[in-house]
Amino acid sequence: MRFRALRCGDVTLHRIHEGNLDHVRALFAGYPDSPYMASELENNYRPEYDEQHRQTVFGFYVSYRSELAGASLLGISSFLEARGFTGADTFVHMRGKGIAPASKPALYHLGFALLGLNRVETGCFASNVASRRSMEKTPGLVYEGTLRQYARNTAGVFEDEHRFAILRSDWLSLYGKVAVEVLP
C-alpha cells in the first residue's frame, strides 16, 4: 500500500518510512519536549512488519494547519481477527487543540477502508487524565473497561489502563462520509 499522507480537515498525517526518518528526527528537534518525542518516534512510530512482510505499524508525524503537532499511529494486532490499535503523542505546545481526536478519522479510514479491519482499540494509563478526555471526545470510541495493572508506566510502576474501541459498523455510521484525502 503506497501513499505519503492522509488529510482530513486541518490535520495531515505524513507517513513515516525508512527513507524519511532523518527528516522526521530533524522536525522533532528544538522543542522543550523533543527528547521525549524523539524517543517515542524511535520506539513506537517507525514502520514494523510481520513474518509475511505485511506492515503492522503505520506511523505518522502530524501537522495541524501546516504546523508540526505530534505523531499518530495505526497498528495491526491481528490480521486474522481484523483488529488494530491507535496511538498518539502531541507536542506540549499543541495540546488542547483537539489534534489527537482530529487525526482519528484519517487513522480509521486507513484501518477500516484501506486495510479492512473490524475493530480498532486504544487506551491510556489511568493517571493520564488528558488522554482519557481526548478519547471520550472522539466520536465512536466506546469505553470498554479498565485493565488492572496492565503495564508499567514511565516510573516502572504497574498501572491500570482504560481501554476504548471502535468497530467497523460504528465507523460506517459516524465517519463513512467524512472526507479523507489519500495523498499518493
C-alpha atoms as a PDB file:
ATOM      1  CA  MET A   1       0.000   0.000   0.000  1.00  0.00           C
ATOM      2  CA  ARG A   2       1.603   3.196  -1.186  1.00  0.00           C
ATOM      3  CA  PHE A   3       0.630   6.679  -0.054  1.00  0.00           C
ATOM      4  CA  ARG A   4       2.567   9.504   1.538  1.00  0.00           C
ATOM      5  CA  ALA A   5      -0.100  11.222   3.632  1.00  0.00           C
ATOM      6  CA  LEU A   6      -3.711  11.253   4.787  1.00  0.00           C
ATOM      7  CA  ARG A   7      -5.545  14.562   5.111  1.00  0.00           C
ATOM      8  CA  CYS A   8      -8.766  15.285   6.951  1.00  0.00           C
ATOM      9  CA  GLY A   9      -9.732  18.910   7.559  1.00  0.00           C
ATOM     10  CA  ASP A  10      -6.931  20.849   9.258  1.00  0.00           C
ATOM     11  CA  VAL A  11      -4.944  17.711  10.088  1.00  0.00           C
ATOM     12  CA  THR A  12      -2.486  15.927   7.809  1.00  0.00           C
ATOM     13  CA  LEU A  13      -0.837  12.651   8.765  1.00  0.00           C
ATOM     14  CA  HIS A  14       2.510  12.311   6.954  1.00  0.00           C
ATOM     15  CA  ARG A  15       3.649   8.699   6.688  1.00  0.00           C
ATOM     16  CA  ILE A  16       6.909   7.818   8.398  1.00  0.00           C
ATOM     17  CA  HIS A  17       9.127   5.387   6.480  1.00  0.00           C
ATOM     18  CA  GLU A  18      12.772   4.362   6.492  1.00  0.00           C
ATOM     19  CA  GLY A  19      13.553   6.905   3.762  1.00  0.00           C
ATOM     20  CA  ASN A  20      12.385   9.949   5.748  1.00  0.00           C
ATOM     21  CA  LEU A  21      13.383   9.079   9.333  1.00  0.00           C
ATOM     22  CA  ASP A  22      16.274  11.572   9.388  1.00  0.00           C
ATOM     23  CA  HIS A  23      13.913  14.295   8.149  1.00  0.00           C
ATOM     24  CA  VAL A  24      11.354  13.420  10.847  1.00  0.00           C
ATOM     25  CA  ARG A  25      14.051  13.359  13.542  1.00  0.00           C
ATOM     26  CA  ALA A  26      15.084  16.868  12.446  1.00  0.00           C
ATOM     27  CA  LEU A  27      11.462  18.060  12.517  1.00  0.00           C
ATOM     28  CA  PHE A  28      11.086  16.798  16.101  1.00  0.00           C
ATOM     29  CA  ALA A  29      14.173  18.729  17.323  1.00  0.00           C
ATOM     30  CA  GLY A  30      14.143  22.092  19.084  1.00  0.00           C
ATOM     31  CA  TYR A  31      11.053  21.797  21.291  1.00  0.00           C
ATOM     32  CA  PRO A  32      11.065  21.542  25.096  1.00  0.00           C
ATOM     33  CA  ASP A  33       9.639  18.009  24.844  1.00  0.00           C
ATOM     34  CA  SER A  34      11.843  16.955  21.895  1.00  0.00           C
ATOM     35  CA  PRO A  35      13.774  14.292  23.842  1.00  0.00           C
ATOM     36  CA  TYR A  36      10.530  12.542  24.826  1.00  0.00           C
ATOM     37  CA  MET A  37       9.051  12.851  21.319  1.00  0.00           C
ATOM     38  CA  ALA A  38      12.287  11.596  19.717  1.00  0.00           C
ATOM     39  CA  SER A  39      12.197   8.568  21.997  1.00  0.00           C
ATOM     40  CA  GLU A  40       8.554   7.902  21.097  1.00  0.00           C
ATOM     41  CA  LEU A  41       9.434   8.209  17.388  1.00  0.00           C
ATOM     42  CA  GLU A  42      12.148   5.566  17.691  1.00  0.00           C
ATOM     43  CA  ASN A  43      10.149   3.207  19.923  1.00  0.00           C
ATOM     44  CA  ASN A  44       6.622   3.437  18.528  1.00  0.00           C
ATOM     45  CA  TYR A  45       6.258   5.236  15.195  1.00  0.00           C
ATOM     46  CA  ARG A  46       8.785   3.506  12.948  1.00  0.00           C
ATOM     47  CA  PRO A  47       7.313   1.039  10.451  1.00  0.00           C
ATOM     48  CA  GLU A  48       7.207  -2.598  11.535  1.00  0.00           C
ATOM     49  CA  TYR A  49       6.455  -5.750   9.546  1.00  0.00           C
ATOM     50  CA  ASP A  50       5.378  -9.304  10.322  1.00  0.00           C
ATOM     51  CA  GLU A  51       6.871 -12.570   9.046  1.00  0.00           C
ATOM     52  CA  GLN A  52       4.808 -12.297   5.827  1.00  0.00           C
ATOM     53  CA  HIS A  53       6.292  -8.803   5.214  1.00  0.00           C
ATOM     54  CA  ARG A  54       2.945  -7.121   5.912  1.00  0.00           C
ATOM     55  CA  GLN A  55       3.245  -3.742   7.559  1.00  0.00           C
ATOM     56  CA  THR A  56       1.966  -3.890  11.138  1.00  0.00           C
ATOM     57  CA  VAL A  57       2.775  -0.341  12.302  1.00  0.00           C
ATOM     58  CA  PHE A  58       1.916   2.748  10.256  1.00  0.00           C
ATOM     59  CA  GLY A  59       3.458   5.763  11.972  1.00  0.00           C
ATOM     60  CA  PHE A  60       2.770   9.378  11.035  1.00  0.00           C
ATOM     61  CA  TYR A  61       4.011  12.790  12.015  1.00  0.00           C
ATOM     62  CA  VAL A  62       1.022  15.073  12.281  1.00  0.00           C
ATOM     63  CA  SER A  63       0.634  18.645  11.120  1.00  0.00           C
ATOM     64  CA  TYR A  64      -2.224  20.884  12.184  1.00  0.00           C
ATOM     65  CA  ARG A  65      -2.823  23.834   9.843  1.00  0.00           C
ATOM     66  CA  SER A  66       0.704  23.196   8.461  1.00  0.00           C
ATOM     67  CA  GLU A  67       2.357  23.320  11.926  1.00  0.00           C
ATOM     68  CA  LEU A  68       4.032  20.226  13.368  1.00  0.00           C
ATOM     69  CA  ALA A  69       1.744  18.918  16.113  1.00  0.00           C
ATOM     70  CA  GLY A  70       2.925  15.434  17.076  1.00  0.00           C
ATOM     71  CA  ALA A  71       2.631  11.832  15.950  1.00  0.00           C
ATOM     72  CA  SER A  72      -0.104   9.235  15.450  1.00  0.00           C
ATOM     73  CA  LEU A  73      -0.082   5.592  14.521  1.00  0.00           C
ATOM     74  CA  LEU A  74      -2.250   2.722  13.440  1.00  0.00           C
ATOM     75  CA  GLY A  75      -1.024  -0.747  14.270  1.00  0.00           C
ATOM     76  CA  ILE A  76      -2.332  -4.174  13.322  1.00  0.00           C
ATOM     77  CA  SER A  77      -2.529  -6.531  16.290  1.00  0.00           C
ATOM     78  CA  SER A  78      -4.135  -9.378  14.304  1.00  0.00           C
ATOM     79  CA  PHE A  79      -4.706  -9.702  10.569  1.00  0.00           C
ATOM     80  CA  LEU A  80      -6.710 -12.885  11.182  1.00  0.00           C
ATOM     81  CA  GLU A  81      -9.068 -11.169  13.649  1.00  0.00           C
ATOM     82  CA  ALA A  82      -9.017  -7.868  11.665  1.00  0.00           C
ATOM     83  CA  ARG A  83      -8.027  -5.978  14.795  1.00  0.00           C
ATOM     84  CA  GLY A  84      -5.829  -2.918  15.177  1.00  0.00           C
ATOM     85  CA  PHE A  85      -4.905  -0.155  17.584  1.00  0.00           C
ATOM     86  CA  THR A  86      -4.096   3.540  17.561  1.00  0.00           C
ATOM     87  CA  GLY A  87      -1.688   5.701  19.482  1.00  0.00           C
ATOM     88  CA  ALA A  88      -0.829   9.379  19.613  1.00  0.00           C
ATOM     89  CA  ASP A  89       1.645  11.810  21.143  1.00  0.00           C
ATOM     90  CA  THR A  90       1.129  15.552  20.892  1.00  0.00           C
ATOM     91  CA  PHE A  91       3.806  18.180  21.440  1.00  0.00           C
ATOM     92  CA  VAL A  92       3.136  20.130  24.647  1.00  0.00           C
ATOM     93  CA  HIS A  93       2.704  23.457  22.833  1.00  0.00           C
ATOM     94  CA  MET A  94      -0.036  21.920  20.634  1.00  0.00           C
ATOM     95  CA  ARG A  95      -2.053  20.204  23.369  1.00  0.00           C
ATOM     96  CA  GLY A  96      -5.639  21.253  23.998  1.00  0.00           C
ATOM     97  CA  LYS A  97      -6.416  21.863  20.312  1.00  0.00           C
ATOM     98  CA  GLY A  98      -8.105  18.512  19.721  1.00  0.00           C
ATOM     99  CA  ILE A  99      -5.366  17.209  17.458  1.00  0.00           C
ATOM    100  CA  ALA A 100      -5.467  13.554  18.571  1.00  0.00           C
ATOM    101  CA  PRO A 101      -9.258  13.267  18.095  1.00  0.00           C
ATOM    102  CA  ALA A 102      -8.987  15.177  14.789  1.00  0.00           C
ATOM    103  CA  SER A 103      -6.456  12.635  13.498  1.00  0.00           C
ATOM    104  CA  LYS A 104      -8.747   9.675  14.190  1.00  0.00           C
ATOM    105  CA  PRO A 105     -10.887   9.941  11.011  1.00  0.00           C
ATOM    106  CA  ALA A 106      -7.742   9.515   8.894  1.00  0.00           C
ATOM    107  CA  LEU A 107      -6.488   6.599  11.023  1.00  0.00           C
ATOM    108  CA  TYR A 108      -9.926   4.964  10.909  1.00  0.00           C
ATOM    109  CA  HIS A 109     -10.047   5.421   7.136  1.00  0.00           C
ATOM    110  CA  LEU A 110      -6.707   3.628   6.873  1.00  0.00           C
ATOM    111  CA  GLY A 111      -7.798   0.853   9.223  1.00  0.00           C
ATOM    112  CA  PHE A 112     -11.352   0.234   8.073  1.00  0.00           C
ATOM    113  CA  ALA A 113     -11.465   1.376   4.432  1.00  0.00           C
ATOM    114  CA  LEU A 114      -7.937   0.556   3.259  1.00  0.00           C
ATOM    115  CA  LEU A 115      -6.896  -2.364   5.497  1.00  0.00           C
ATOM    116  CA  GLY A 116     -10.299  -3.973   6.105  1.00  0.00           C
ATOM    117  CA  LEU A 117     -10.141  -4.029   9.905  1.00  0.00           C
ATOM    118  CA  ASN A 118     -13.221  -4.780  12.007  1.00  0.00           C
ATOM    119  CA  ARG A 119     -12.051  -3.301  15.325  1.00  0.00           C
ATOM    120  CA  VAL A 120      -9.613  -0.577  16.393  1.00  0.00           C
ATOM    121  CA  GLU A 121      -8.618  -0.255  20.046  1.00  0.00           C
ATOM    122  CA  THR A 122      -6.799   2.357  22.105  1.00  0.00           C
ATOM    123  CA  GLY A 123      -6.055   3.059  25.724  1.00  0.00           C
ATOM    124  CA  CYS A 124      -4.268   5.182  28.283  1.00  0.00           C
ATOM    125  CA  PHE A 125      -2.914   4.870  31.781  1.00  0.00           C
ATOM    126  CA  ALA A 126      -5.411   5.783  34.490  1.00  0.00           C
ATOM    127  CA  SER A 127      -3.190   8.690  35.549  1.00  0.00           C
ATOM    128  CA  ASN A 128      -3.308  10.235  32.055  1.00  0.00           C
ATOM    129  CA  VAL A 129      -6.462  12.293  32.502  1.00  0.00           C
ATOM    130  CA  ALA A 130      -5.879  14.387  29.353  1.00  0.00           C
ATOM    131  CA  SER A 131      -5.645  11.302  27.128  1.00  0.00           C
ATOM    132  CA  ARG A 132      -8.786   9.847  28.633  1.00  0.00           C
ATOM    133  CA  ARG A 133     -10.662  13.108  27.967  1.00  0.00           C
ATOM    134  CA  SER A 134      -9.363  13.059  24.395  1.00  0.00           C
ATOM    135  CA  MET A 135     -10.663   9.519  23.878  1.00  0.00           C
ATOM    136  CA  GLU A 136     -14.003  10.377  25.446  1.00  0.00           C
ATOM    137  CA  LYS A 137     -14.339  13.273  22.950  1.00  0.00           C
ATOM    138  CA  THR A 138     -13.611  11.054  19.940  1.00  0.00           C
ATOM    139  CA  PRO A 139     -16.894  10.054  18.265  1.00  0.00           C
ATOM    140  CA  GLY A 140     -17.334   6.307  18.058  1.00  0.00           C
ATOM    141  CA  LEU A 141     -14.793   5.344  20.699  1.00  0.00           C
ATOM    142  CA  VAL A 142     -16.558   3.329  23.381  1.00  0.00           C
ATOM    143  CA  TYR A 143     -15.123   2.850  26.858  1.00  0.00           C
ATOM    144  CA  GLU A 144     -14.868  -0.901  27.401  1.00  0.00           C
ATOM    145  CA  GLY A 145     -13.278  -1.088  30.817  1.00  0.00           C
ATOM    146  CA  THR A 146     -10.134  -0.825  32.875  1.00  0.00           C
ATOM    147  CA  LEU A 147      -7.378  -3.419  32.787  1.00  0.00           C
ATOM    148  CA  ARG A 148      -5.881  -3.624  36.239  1.00  0.00           C
ATOM    149  CA  GLN A 149      -2.104  -3.185  36.491  1.00  0.00           C
ATOM    150  CA  TYR A 150      -1.897  -3.616  32.725  1.00  0.00           C
ATOM    151  CA  ALA A 151       1.615  -2.281  32.145  1.00  0.00           C
ATOM    152  CA  ARG A 152       4.487  -0.407  33.710  1.00  0.00           C
ATOM    153  CA  ASN A 153       4.353   3.384  33.472  1.00  0.00           C
ATOM    154  CA  THR A 154       7.421   5.587  32.928  1.00  0.00           C
ATOM    155  CA  ALA A 155       8.268   5.282  36.640  1.00  0.00           C
ATOM    156  CA  GLY A 156       8.310   1.485  36.286  1.00  0.00           C
ATOM    157  CA  VAL A 157       5.201   1.015  38.415  1.00  0.00           C
ATOM    158  CA  PHE A 158       2.360  -1.212  37.233  1.00  0.00           C
ATOM    159  CA  GLU A 159      -0.645   0.949  36.415  1.00  0.00           C
ATOM    160  CA  ASP A 160      -4.244   0.391  35.350  1.00  0.00           C
ATOM    161  CA  GLU A 161      -5.161   1.177  31.731  1.00  0.00           C
ATOM    162  CA  HIS A 162      -8.502   2.457  30.461  1.00  0.00           C
ATOM    163  CA  ARG A 163      -9.484   0.745  27.180  1.00  0.00           C
ATOM    164  CA  PHE A 164     -11.647   2.094  24.359  1.00  0.00           C
ATOM    165  CA  ALA A 165     -12.573   0.695  20.922  1.00  0.00           C
ATOM    166  CA  ILE A 166     -14.473   1.495  17.751  1.00  0.00           C
ATOM    167  CA  LEU A 167     -15.990  -1.114  15.442  1.00  0.00           C
ATOM    168  CA  ARG A 168     -16.282  -1.034  11.660  1.00  0.00           C
ATOM    169  CA  SER A 169     -20.086  -0.645  11.983  1.00  0.00           C
ATOM    170  CA  ASP A 170     -19.596   2.386  14.279  1.00  0.00           C
ATOM    171  CA  TRP A 171     -17.152   3.900  11.797  1.00  0.00           C
ATOM    172  CA  LEU A 172     -19.516   3.397   8.873  1.00  0.00           C
ATOM    173  CA  SER A 173     -22.360   5.190  10.642  1.00  0.00           C
ATOM    174  CA  LEU A 174     -20.228   8.023  12.087  1.00  0.00           C
ATOM    175  CA  TYR A 175     -17.352   8.515   9.654  1.00  0.00           C
ATOM    176  CA  GLY A 176     -18.437   6.826   6.440  1.00  0.00           C
ATOM    177  CA  LYS A 177     -18.985  10.152   4.700  1.00  0.00           C
ATOM    178  CA  VAL A 178     -16.082  12.062   6.292  1.00  0.00           C
ATOM    179  CA  ALA A 179     -13.717  13.191   3.554  1.00  0.00           C
ATOM    180  CA  VAL A 180     -10.251  11.722   3.972  1.00  0.00           C
ATOM    181  CA  GLU A 181      -7.829  12.503   1.183  1.00  0.00           C
ATOM    182  CA  VAL A 182      -5.196   9.849   0.464  1.00  0.00           C
ATOM    183  CA  LEU A 183      -2.165  11.634  -0.969  1.00  0.00           C
ATOM    184  CA  PRO A 184      -0.004   9.443  -3.257  1.00  0.00           C
END
